[in-house]
Amino acid sequence: MELQDVITVYSEKTPNPESMKFVANKMILPNDSVDFRNAESVQNCPMADELFVFDFVQGVFIMNNFVSITKKKEYEWFDIIPQLKKFVQDYLESEKEVVTASAELSSEEESEVVLKIKQLLDDHVKPAVEMDGGAIDFKSFEDGVVTVLMKGSCSGCPSSTMTLKAGIENLLKRMVPEVEAVEAEAS
């Protein structure tokens, strides 16, 4: 293995005390994400299947160059971080497939308002949410209400409701007059 092929992984806290972000120096899943809240929900993701073998893993979110892992409450990060860092590093070094298939995105005609909402989310919200080990995806816009999907460490995070209302909703209402409210669904 050449020096440039050496994978490094470090852990980073997220605002959700039950989730930890494991960041690699290699892209894991560029331009897409997968989010599994339990082992039963895993589809087409060998990496998540293997992570759920650990008794302490409650949820797995994979995107760009990181894996956010939500642990079961009865475990302490101090005890499990070394195992998880080693797992992510070994998995990436082995060059095993992370996902085997991804769902095709629908390319339905979108209104100008929806395009503007998506652009604002992509430009202003997603980068901040990703830094915290999560993701936010546009789901729908109906009757003035934007529905977004919260993934990764943002799903179930105590501060995500405040972020949603104080940050995201205010931004969208200010920039897109048609928006009256923003609601979130955990994926």
N, C-alpha and C. Protein backbone atom coordinates (compact mmCIF):
# COMPACT_ATOMS: atom_id res chain seq x y z
N MET A 1 0.85 -1.18 0.00
CA MET A 1 0.00 0.00 0.00
C MET A 1 0.89 1.24 0.00
N GLU A 2 0.65 2.15 -0.93
CA GLU A 2 1.43 3.37 -1.01
C GLU A 2 0.97 4.35 0.06
N LEU A 3 1.82 5.33 0.34
CA LEU A 3 1.52 6.30 1.38
C LEU A 3 0.22 7.04 1.11
N GLN A 4 -0.04 7.41 -0.17
CA GLN A 4 -1.26 8.15 -0.48
C GLN A 4 -2.51 7.29 -0.30
N ASP A 5 -2.35 5.96 -0.23
CA ASP A 5 -3.47 5.06 -0.06
C ASP A 5 -3.81 4.80 1.40
N VAL A 6 -3.01 5.33 2.32
CA VAL A 6 -3.27 5.13 3.74
C VAL A 6 -4.51 5.92 4.13
N ILE A 7 -5.44 5.22 4.74
CA ILE A 7 -6.69 5.84 5.18
C ILE A 7 -6.54 6.28 6.62
N THR A 8 -6.89 7.52 6.88
CA THR A 8 -6.93 8.00 8.26
C THR A 8 -8.37 8.34 8.61
N VAL A 9 -8.71 8.10 9.86
CA VAL A 9 -10.07 8.35 10.34
C VAL A 9 -9.96 9.03 11.70
N TYR A 10 -10.73 10.10 11.88
CA TYR A 10 -10.78 10.71 13.20
C TYR A 10 -12.24 10.87 13.60
N SER A 11 -12.47 10.94 14.90
CA SER A 11 -13.84 11.09 15.40
C SER A 11 -14.08 12.54 15.76
N GLU A 12 -15.32 12.96 15.61
CA GLU A 12 -15.71 14.34 15.87
C GLU A 12 -17.09 14.36 16.52
N LYS A 13 -17.22 15.10 17.60
CA LYS A 13 -18.51 15.20 18.28
C LYS A 13 -19.53 15.89 17.38
N THR A 14 -20.79 15.57 17.62
CA THR A 14 -21.90 16.23 16.94
C THR A 14 -22.78 16.86 18.02
N PRO A 15 -23.71 17.72 17.64
CA PRO A 15 -24.60 18.29 18.66
C PRO A 15 -25.48 17.23 19.34
N ASN A 16 -25.66 16.09 18.69
CA ASN A 16 -26.42 15.00 19.30
C ASN A 16 -25.46 14.17 20.15
N PRO A 17 -25.65 14.14 21.47
CA PRO A 17 -24.69 13.42 22.32
C PRO A 17 -24.65 11.90 22.06
N GLU A 18 -25.65 11.36 21.41
CA GLU A 18 -25.67 9.93 21.12
C GLU A 18 -25.05 9.60 19.76
N SER A 19 -24.65 10.62 18.99
CA SER A 19 -24.07 10.39 17.66
C SER A 19 -22.65 10.94 17.59
N MET A 20 -21.79 10.21 16.88
CA MET A 20 -20.41 10.62 16.68
C MET A 20 -20.12 10.52 15.18
N LYS A 21 -19.36 11.47 14.69
CA LYS A 21 -19.01 11.53 13.27
C LYS A 21 -17.60 10.97 13.11
N PHE A 22 -17.43 10.02 12.19
CA PHE A 22 -16.13 9.44 11.89
C PHE A 22 -15.74 9.89 10.49
N VAL A 23 -14.73 10.75 10.42
CA VAL A 23 -14.34 11.41 9.18
C VAL A 23 -13.09 10.75 8.61
N ALA A 24 -13.14 10.43 7.31
CA ALA A 24 -12.01 9.80 6.63
C ALA A 24 -11.37 10.77 5.65
N ASN A 25 -10.14 10.48 5.27
CA ASN A 25 -9.46 11.29 4.26
C ASN A 25 -9.74 10.76 2.86
N LYS A 26 -10.87 10.09 2.70
CA LYS A 26 -11.28 9.51 1.43
C LYS A 26 -12.79 9.66 1.30
N MET A 27 -13.25 9.94 0.08
CA MET A 27 -14.70 10.00 -0.14
C MET A 27 -15.28 8.60 0.04
N ILE A 28 -16.35 8.52 0.79
CA ILE A 28 -17.00 7.24 1.05
C ILE A 28 -18.24 7.11 0.17
N LEU A 29 -19.05 8.16 0.15
CA LEU A 29 -20.28 8.15 -0.63
C LEU A 29 -20.53 9.56 -1.17
N PRO A 30 -19.86 9.93 -2.26
CA PRO A 30 -19.99 11.29 -2.79
C PRO A 30 -21.38 11.53 -3.39
N ASN A 31 -21.88 12.72 -3.18
CA ASN A 31 -23.14 13.20 -3.78
C ASN A 31 -24.36 12.35 -3.46
N ASP A 32 -24.34 11.64 -2.37
CA ASP A 32 -25.49 10.84 -1.97
C ASP A 32 -25.35 10.55 -0.49
N SER A 33 -26.39 9.97 0.09
CA SER A 33 -26.32 9.58 1.49
C SER A 33 -27.25 8.40 1.73
N VAL A 34 -26.94 7.64 2.78
CA VAL A 34 -27.82 6.58 3.24
C VAL A 34 -27.99 6.75 4.74
N ASP A 35 -29.18 6.45 5.23
CA ASP A 35 -29.49 6.64 6.64
C ASP A 35 -30.32 5.46 7.12
N PHE A 36 -29.83 4.78 8.14
CA PHE A 36 -30.54 3.63 8.68
C PHE A 36 -30.69 3.80 10.18
N ARG A 37 -31.91 3.83 10.66
CA ARG A 37 -32.19 4.03 12.08
C ARG A 37 -32.13 2.74 12.88
N ASN A 38 -32.10 1.60 12.18
CA ASN A 38 -31.95 0.31 12.85
C ASN A 38 -31.46 -0.71 11.83
N ALA A 39 -31.04 -1.86 12.33
CA ALA A 39 -30.47 -2.90 11.45
C ALA A 39 -31.49 -3.42 10.45
N GLU A 40 -32.76 -3.48 10.85
CA GLU A 40 -33.81 -4.00 9.98
C GLU A 40 -34.05 -3.13 8.74
N SER A 41 -33.71 -1.86 8.83
CA SER A 41 -33.97 -0.95 7.71
C SER A 41 -32.86 -0.93 6.65
N VAL A 42 -31.76 -1.61 6.89
CA VAL A 42 -30.62 -1.58 5.97
C VAL A 42 -30.97 -2.30 4.66
N GLN A 43 -30.71 -1.59 3.57
CA GLN A 43 -30.89 -2.15 2.23
C GLN A 43 -29.71 -1.73 1.37
N ASN A 44 -29.13 -2.66 0.67
CA ASN A 44 -28.08 -2.38 -0.31
C ASN A 44 -26.89 -1.61 0.26
N CYS A 45 -26.54 -1.88 1.53
CA CYS A 45 -25.41 -1.17 2.14
C CYS A 45 -24.60 -2.13 3.02
N PRO A 46 -23.63 -2.82 2.41
CA PRO A 46 -22.82 -3.77 3.18
C PRO A 46 -22.09 -3.13 4.36
N MET A 47 -21.65 -1.89 4.21
CA MET A 47 -20.94 -1.24 5.31
C MET A 47 -21.85 -1.08 6.53
N ALA A 48 -23.08 -0.64 6.30
CA ALA A 48 -24.03 -0.49 7.41
C ALA A 48 -24.37 -1.84 8.01
N ASP A 49 -24.55 -2.86 7.16
CA ASP A 49 -24.81 -4.22 7.67
C ASP A 49 -23.73 -4.63 8.66
N GLU A 50 -22.49 -4.39 8.30
CA GLU A 50 -21.37 -4.78 9.17
C GLU A 50 -21.32 -3.94 10.44
N LEU A 51 -21.65 -2.65 10.36
CA LEU A 51 -21.65 -1.81 11.55
C LEU A 51 -22.72 -2.25 12.55
N PHE A 52 -23.86 -2.68 12.06
CA PHE A 52 -24.94 -3.10 12.97
C PHE A 52 -24.62 -4.42 13.68
N VAL A 53 -23.54 -5.09 13.30
CA VAL A 53 -23.12 -6.28 14.03
C VAL A 53 -22.66 -5.89 15.44
N PHE A 54 -22.12 -4.69 15.58
CA PHE A 54 -21.71 -4.20 16.91
C PHE A 54 -22.97 -3.98 17.75
N ASP A 55 -22.98 -4.53 18.97
CA ASP A 55 -24.15 -4.41 19.86
C ASP A 55 -24.51 -2.96 20.19
N PHE A 56 -23.52 -2.08 20.17
CA PHE A 56 -23.75 -0.71 20.62
C PHE A 56 -24.26 0.23 19.52
N VAL A 57 -24.32 -0.24 18.28
CA VAL A 57 -24.74 0.63 17.17
C VAL A 57 -26.26 0.67 17.07
N GLN A 58 -26.81 1.89 17.16
CA GLN A 58 -28.25 2.12 17.06
C GLN A 58 -28.64 2.62 15.67
N GLY A 59 -27.78 3.46 15.04
CA GLY A 59 -28.09 4.03 13.73
C GLY A 59 -26.81 4.32 12.96
N VAL A 60 -26.94 4.33 11.62
CA VAL A 60 -25.79 4.58 10.74
C VAL A 60 -26.21 5.54 9.63
N PHE A 61 -25.41 6.57 9.43
CA PHE A 61 -25.62 7.53 8.35
C PHE A 61 -24.29 7.69 7.63
N ILE A 62 -24.29 7.55 6.30
CA ILE A 62 -23.06 7.64 5.52
C ILE A 62 -23.25 8.70 4.43
N MET A 63 -22.27 9.60 4.33
CA MET A 63 -22.34 10.67 3.32
C MET A 63 -20.94 11.24 3.10
N ASN A 64 -20.67 11.65 1.88
CA ASN A 64 -19.39 12.27 1.53
C ASN A 64 -18.22 11.49 2.12
N ASN A 65 -17.46 12.12 3.02
CA ASN A 65 -16.28 11.46 3.59
C ASN A 65 -16.46 11.08 5.05
N PHE A 66 -17.72 10.90 5.49
CA PHE A 66 -17.92 10.55 6.90
C PHE A 66 -19.04 9.54 7.11
N VAL A 67 -18.95 8.91 8.28
CA VAL A 67 -19.98 7.99 8.77
C VAL A 67 -20.39 8.53 10.14
N SER A 68 -21.68 8.82 10.30
CA SER A 68 -22.19 9.21 11.63
C SER A 68 -22.83 7.98 12.23
N ILE A 69 -22.42 7.68 13.45
CA ILE A 69 -22.95 6.50 14.13
C ILE A 69 -23.67 6.95 15.39
N THR A 70 -24.89 6.47 15.54
CA THR A 70 -25.66 6.73 16.76
C THR A 70 -25.54 5.48 17.62
N LYS A 71 -25.15 5.69 18.87
CA LYS A 71 -24.96 4.56 19.78
C LYS A 71 -26.19 4.37 20.65
N LYS A 72 -26.28 3.18 21.23
CA LYS A 72 -27.32 2.92 22.23
C LYS A 72 -26.92 3.65 23.51
N LYS A 73 -27.90 4.16 24.23
CA LYS A 73 -27.66 5.02 25.40
C LYS A 73 -26.82 4.37 26.49
N GLU A 74 -26.90 3.05 26.63
CA GLU A 74 -26.19 2.40 27.74
C GLU A 74 -24.68 2.26 27.50
N TYR A 75 -24.18 2.68 26.35
CA TYR A 75 -22.75 2.61 26.05
C TYR A 75 -22.12 4.00 26.14
N GLU A 76 -20.82 4.01 26.45
CA GLU A 76 -20.07 5.27 26.54
C GLU A 76 -19.13 5.38 25.34
N TRP A 77 -19.05 6.59 24.76
CA TRP A 77 -18.19 6.80 23.60
C TRP A 77 -16.74 6.42 23.89
N PHE A 78 -16.28 6.72 25.09
CA PHE A 78 -14.89 6.44 25.45
C PHE A 78 -14.54 4.98 25.18
N ASP A 79 -15.49 4.08 25.42
CA ASP A 79 -15.24 2.65 25.29
C ASP A 79 -15.32 2.15 23.85
N ILE A 80 -16.04 2.84 22.98
CA ILE A 80 -16.31 2.29 21.65
C ILE A 80 -15.68 3.04 20.47
N ILE A 81 -15.24 4.27 20.70
CA ILE A 81 -14.63 5.05 19.60
C ILE A 81 -13.45 4.31 18.95
N PRO A 82 -12.52 3.75 19.72
CA PRO A 82 -11.38 3.07 19.06
C PRO A 82 -11.82 1.94 18.12
N GLN A 83 -12.80 1.13 18.54
CA GLN A 83 -13.30 0.05 17.69
C GLN A 83 -13.91 0.59 16.40
N LEU A 84 -14.69 1.66 16.52
CA LEU A 84 -15.37 2.21 15.35
C LEU A 84 -14.39 2.87 14.39
N LYS A 85 -13.41 3.60 14.90
CA LYS A 85 -12.39 4.20 14.03
C LYS A 85 -11.64 3.12 13.27
N LYS A 86 -11.27 2.05 13.96
CA LYS A 86 -10.54 0.95 13.32
C LYS A 86 -11.43 0.28 12.28
N PHE A 87 -12.71 0.08 12.61
CA PHE A 87 -13.61 -0.56 11.65
C PHE A 87 -13.70 0.27 10.37
N VAL A 88 -13.95 1.58 10.50
CA VAL A 88 -14.11 2.44 9.33
C VAL A 88 -12.82 2.44 8.50
N GLN A 89 -11.69 2.58 9.18
CA GLN A 89 -10.40 2.58 8.48
C GLN A 89 -10.17 1.26 7.74
N ASP A 90 -10.35 0.14 8.42
CA ASP A 90 -10.14 -1.17 7.80
C ASP A 90 -11.10 -1.40 6.64
N TYR A 91 -12.35 -0.99 6.81
CA TYR A 91 -13.35 -1.19 5.76
C TYR A 91 -12.96 -0.42 4.50
N LEU A 92 -12.55 0.84 4.68
CA LEU A 92 -12.18 1.66 3.53
C LEU A 92 -10.89 1.17 2.88
N GLU A 93 -9.93 0.73 3.69
CA GLU A 93 -8.68 0.22 3.15
C GLU A 93 -8.90 -1.06 2.35
N SER A 94 -9.88 -1.85 2.73
CA SER A 94 -10.15 -3.10 2.02
C SER A 94 -10.86 -2.85 0.68
N GLU A 95 -11.31 -1.61 0.48
CA GLU A 95 -12.00 -1.19 -0.74
C GLU A 95 -13.26 -2.01 -1.03
N LYS A 96 -13.90 -2.48 0.05
CA LYS A 96 -15.18 -3.17 -0.11
C LYS A 96 -16.23 -2.16 -0.54
N GLU A 97 -17.28 -2.66 -1.15
CA GLU A 97 -18.37 -1.82 -1.61
C GLU A 97 -19.14 -1.24 -0.41
N VAL A 98 -19.40 0.06 -0.43
CA VAL A 98 -20.15 0.71 0.65
C VAL A 98 -21.65 0.51 0.43
N VAL A 99 -22.12 0.80 -0.78
CA VAL A 99 -23.51 0.55 -1.16
C VAL A 99 -23.51 -0.26 -2.45
N THR A 100 -24.53 -1.10 -2.61
CA THR A 100 -24.58 -1.94 -3.81
C THR A 100 -25.51 -1.39 -4.88
N ALA A 101 -26.46 -0.57 -4.48
CA ALA A 101 -27.39 0.04 -5.45
C ALA A 101 -28.02 1.25 -4.78
N SER A 102 -28.35 2.24 -5.58
CA SER A 102 -29.02 3.41 -5.01
C SER A 102 -30.32 3.65 -5.78
N ALA A 103 -31.28 4.14 -5.07
CA ALA A 103 -32.58 4.40 -5.69
C ALA A 103 -32.46 5.53 -6.69
N GLU A 104 -33.15 5.41 -7.79
CA GLU A 104 -33.16 6.46 -8.80
C GLU A 104 -34.00 7.64 -8.29
N LEU A 105 -33.47 8.82 -8.40
CA LEU A 105 -34.21 10.00 -7.99
C LEU A 105 -35.23 10.36 -9.06
N SER A 106 -36.39 10.79 -8.63
CA SER A 106 -37.42 11.17 -9.60
C SER A 106 -37.06 12.52 -10.21
N SER A 107 -37.26 12.63 -11.48
CA SER A 107 -36.92 13.88 -12.17
C SER A 107 -38.20 14.59 -12.60
N GLU A 108 -39.12 14.73 -11.64
CA GLU A 108 -40.38 15.38 -11.96
C GLU A 108 -40.19 16.88 -12.15
N GLU A 109 -41.07 17.47 -12.89
CA GLU A 109 -41.04 18.91 -13.13
C GLU A 109 -41.21 19.65 -11.80
N GLU A 110 -40.35 20.61 -11.53
CA GLU A 110 -40.42 21.33 -10.26
C GLU A 110 -40.71 22.80 -10.51
N SER A 111 -41.49 23.36 -9.62
CA SER A 111 -41.83 24.77 -9.73
C SER A 111 -40.62 25.64 -9.39
N GLU A 112 -40.70 26.89 -9.77
CA GLU A 112 -39.63 27.84 -9.48
C GLU A 112 -39.43 28.00 -7.98
N VAL A 113 -40.52 27.98 -7.21
CA VAL A 113 -40.45 28.11 -5.76
C VAL A 113 -39.69 26.92 -5.17
N VAL A 114 -40.01 25.71 -5.61
CA VAL A 114 -39.34 24.52 -5.10
C VAL A 114 -37.85 24.56 -5.46
N LEU A 115 -37.54 24.97 -6.67
CA LEU A 115 -36.13 25.07 -7.07
C LEU A 115 -35.38 26.07 -6.19
N LYS A 116 -36.03 27.19 -5.86
CA LYS A 116 -35.40 28.20 -5.01
C LYS A 116 -35.20 27.66 -3.59
N ILE A 117 -36.20 26.94 -3.06
CA ILE A 117 -36.08 26.34 -1.73
C ILE A 117 -34.91 25.35 -1.71
N LYS A 118 -34.85 24.48 -2.70
CA LYS A 118 -33.77 23.48 -2.77
C LYS A 118 -32.40 24.15 -2.85
N GLN A 119 -32.31 25.22 -3.64
CA GLN A 119 -31.04 25.92 -3.79
C GLN A 119 -30.59 26.53 -2.47
N LEU A 120 -31.54 27.14 -1.74
CA LEU A 120 -31.20 27.72 -0.44
C LEU A 120 -30.75 26.64 0.55
N LEU A 121 -31.44 25.52 0.55
CA LEU A 121 -31.05 24.42 1.43
C LEU A 121 -29.65 23.92 1.06
N ASP A 122 -29.39 23.75 -0.24
CA ASP A 122 -28.08 23.26 -0.69
C ASP A 122 -26.96 24.23 -0.36
N ASP A 123 -27.20 25.52 -0.58
CA ASP A 123 -26.14 26.51 -0.41
C ASP A 123 -25.91 26.93 1.03
N HIS A 124 -26.99 27.04 1.82
CA HIS A 124 -26.86 27.64 3.15
C HIS A 124 -27.07 26.69 4.32
N VAL A 125 -27.85 25.65 4.13
CA VAL A 125 -28.19 24.78 5.26
C VAL A 125 -27.39 23.48 5.26
N LYS A 126 -27.32 22.82 4.13
CA LYS A 126 -26.64 21.51 4.08
C LYS A 126 -25.20 21.54 4.59
N PRO A 127 -24.39 22.52 4.19
CA PRO A 127 -22.99 22.50 4.67
C PRO A 127 -22.90 22.54 6.20
N ALA A 128 -23.73 23.33 6.85
CA ALA A 128 -23.69 23.42 8.31
C ALA A 128 -24.17 22.13 8.96
N VAL A 129 -25.23 21.56 8.41
CA VAL A 129 -25.78 20.32 8.95
C VAL A 129 -24.77 19.18 8.76
N GLU A 130 -24.11 19.13 7.61
CA GLU A 130 -23.11 18.10 7.36
C GLU A 130 -21.94 18.21 8.33
N MET A 131 -21.56 19.43 8.70
CA MET A 131 -20.46 19.61 9.65
C MET A 131 -20.80 18.99 10.99
N ASP A 132 -22.11 18.91 11.30
CA ASP A 132 -22.55 18.32 12.56
C ASP A 132 -22.84 16.83 12.43
N GLY A 133 -22.49 16.22 11.29
CA GLY A 133 -22.64 14.78 11.13
C GLY A 133 -24.00 14.33 10.66
N GLY A 134 -24.76 15.23 10.07
CA GLY A 134 -26.09 14.87 9.59
C GLY A 134 -26.33 15.35 8.18
N ALA A 135 -27.58 15.31 7.80
CA ALA A 135 -27.96 15.80 6.48
C ALA A 135 -29.42 16.23 6.53
N ILE A 136 -29.75 17.09 5.60
CA ILE A 136 -31.13 17.54 5.46
C ILE A 136 -31.48 17.45 3.98
N ASP A 137 -32.62 16.86 3.70
CA ASP A 137 -33.08 16.73 2.32
C ASP A 137 -34.47 17.32 2.18
N PHE A 138 -34.69 17.98 1.07
CA PHE A 138 -36.01 18.50 0.75
C PHE A 138 -36.94 17.32 0.48
N LYS A 139 -38.15 17.35 1.05
CA LYS A 139 -39.12 16.29 0.78
C LYS A 139 -40.28 16.84 -0.05
N SER A 140 -40.90 17.95 0.43
CA SER A 140 -42.05 18.48 -0.30
C SER A 140 -42.32 19.93 0.08
N PHE A 141 -43.15 20.57 -0.75
CA PHE A 141 -43.65 21.91 -0.46
C PHE A 141 -45.11 21.93 -0.83
N GLU A 142 -45.97 22.03 0.18
CA GLU A 142 -47.42 22.04 -0.04
C GLU A 142 -48.08 23.05 0.88
N ASP A 143 -48.97 23.86 0.33
CA ASP A 143 -49.75 24.83 1.10
C ASP A 143 -48.89 25.69 2.02
N GLY A 144 -47.74 26.13 1.51
CA GLY A 144 -46.88 27.02 2.28
C GLY A 144 -45.95 26.32 3.26
N VAL A 145 -46.04 24.99 3.36
CA VAL A 145 -45.23 24.24 4.32
C VAL A 145 -44.15 23.43 3.60
N VAL A 146 -42.90 23.68 3.98
CA VAL A 146 -41.77 22.91 3.47
C VAL A 146 -41.54 21.76 4.43
N THR A 147 -41.47 20.55 3.89
CA THR A 147 -41.14 19.38 4.71
C THR A 147 -39.75 18.92 4.31
N VAL A 148 -38.89 18.75 5.32
CA VAL A 148 -37.53 18.29 5.09
C VAL A 148 -37.31 16.99 5.86
N LEU A 149 -36.35 16.21 5.39
CA LEU A 149 -35.96 14.97 6.07
C LEU A 149 -34.66 15.23 6.81
N MET A 150 -34.64 14.93 8.10
CA MET A 150 -33.44 15.07 8.91
C MET A 150 -32.80 13.70 9.01
N LYS A 151 -31.50 13.61 8.71
CA LYS A 151 -30.81 12.33 8.68
C LYS A 151 -29.56 12.38 9.56
N GLY A 152 -29.03 11.21 9.83
CA GLY A 152 -27.78 11.11 10.58
C GLY A 152 -27.92 11.61 11.99
N SER A 153 -26.92 12.34 12.47
CA SER A 153 -26.95 12.79 13.86
C SER A 153 -28.05 13.81 14.11
N CYS A 154 -28.60 14.40 13.05
CA CYS A 154 -29.68 15.38 13.21
C CYS A 154 -31.01 14.70 13.54
N SER A 155 -31.14 13.46 13.17
CA SER A 155 -32.37 12.72 13.44
C SER A 155 -32.41 12.40 14.93
N GLY A 156 -33.34 13.00 15.63
CA GLY A 156 -33.47 12.77 17.07
C GLY A 156 -32.55 13.62 17.93
N CYS A 157 -31.85 14.56 17.33
CA CYS A 157 -30.97 15.44 18.10
C CYS A 157 -31.80 16.46 18.87
N PRO A 158 -31.48 16.68 20.15
CA PRO A 158 -32.25 17.64 20.94
C PRO A 158 -32.25 19.06 20.37
N SER A 159 -31.16 19.47 19.71
CA SER A 159 -31.10 20.84 19.21
C SER A 159 -31.62 21.00 17.79
N SER A 160 -32.02 19.90 17.14
CA SER A 160 -32.44 20.01 15.74
C SER A 160 -33.75 20.78 15.58
N THR A 161 -34.65 20.70 16.56
CA THR A 161 -35.91 21.45 16.46
C THR A 161 -35.64 22.95 16.48
N MET A 162 -34.74 23.38 17.35
CA MET A 162 -34.41 24.80 17.42
C MET A 162 -33.71 25.25 16.14
N THR A 163 -32.80 24.44 15.63
CA THR A 163 -32.12 24.74 14.36
C THR A 163 -33.15 24.89 13.25
N LEU A 164 -34.10 23.98 13.23
CA LEU A 164 -35.12 23.98 12.19
C LEU A 164 -35.94 25.26 12.25
N LYS A 165 -36.47 25.59 13.41
CA LYS A 165 -37.36 26.75 13.53
C LYS A 165 -36.61 28.07 13.50
N ALA A 166 -35.57 28.18 14.31
CA ALA A 166 -34.86 29.47 14.43
C ALA A 166 -33.98 29.76 13.22
N GLY A 167 -33.43 28.72 12.61
CA GLY A 167 -32.52 28.95 11.50
C GLY A 167 -33.13 28.73 10.14
N ILE A 168 -33.50 27.51 9.87
CA ILE A 168 -33.95 27.13 8.53
C ILE A 168 -35.27 27.80 8.17
N GLU A 169 -36.24 27.75 9.08
CA GLU A 169 -37.54 28.34 8.79
C GLU A 169 -37.42 29.85 8.57
N ASN A 170 -36.66 30.53 9.43
CA ASN A 170 -36.48 31.98 9.26
C ASN A 170 -35.82 32.33 7.93
N LEU A 171 -34.80 31.57 7.55
CA LEU A 171 -34.12 31.80 6.28
C LEU A 171 -35.08 31.64 5.11
N LEU A 172 -35.80 30.52 5.08
CA LEU A 172 -36.70 30.26 3.96
C LEU A 172 -37.85 31.25 3.90
N LYS A 173 -38.41 31.63 5.05
CA LYS A 173 -39.51 32.59 5.06
C LYS A 173 -39.03 33.96 4.56
N ARG A 174 -37.81 34.31 4.91
CA ARG A 174 -37.26 35.61 4.50
C ARG A 174 -36.95 35.63 3.00
N MET A 175 -36.44 34.51 2.47
CA MET A 175 -35.98 34.48 1.08
C MET A 175 -37.06 34.03 0.09
N VAL A 176 -38.06 33.28 0.57
CA VAL A 176 -39.12 32.76 -0.29
C VAL A 176 -40.46 33.09 0.38
N PRO A 177 -41.08 34.20 -0.03
CA PRO A 177 -42.30 34.66 0.64
C PRO A 177 -43.44 33.61 0.68
N GLU A 178 -43.42 32.67 -0.24
CA GLU A 178 -44.47 31.64 -0.27
C GLU A 178 -44.36 30.65 0.91
N VAL A 179 -43.20 30.60 1.55
CA VAL A 179 -42.99 29.67 2.67
C VAL A 179 -43.58 30.26 3.95
N GLU A 180 -44.44 29.47 4.59
CA GLU A 180 -45.07 29.88 5.85
C GLU A 180 -44.52 29.11 7.04
N ALA A 181 -44.04 27.89 6.81
CA ALA A 181 -43.52 27.06 7.90
C ALA A 181 -42.60 25.98 7.33
N VAL A 182 -41.76 25.43 8.22
CA VAL A 182 -40.90 24.31 7.87
C VAL A 182 -41.10 23.22 8.91
N GLU A 183 -41.31 22.00 8.45
CA GLU A 183 -41.47 20.86 9.35
C GLU A 183 -40.45 19.79 8.96
N ALA A 184 -40.09 19.00 9.95
CA ALA A 184 -39.09 17.96 9.71
C ALA A 184 -39.65 16.58 9.98
N GLU A 185 -39.13 15.64 9.22
CA GLU A 185 -39.41 14.22 9.46
C GLU A 185 -38.07 13.54 9.63
N ALA A 186 -38.00 12.62 10.58
CA ALA A 186 -36.80 11.81 10.71
C ALA A 186 -36.90 10.73 9.65
N SER A 187 -35.78 10.47 8.99
CA SER A 187 -35.84 9.45 7.92
C SER A 187 -35.65 8.08 8.52
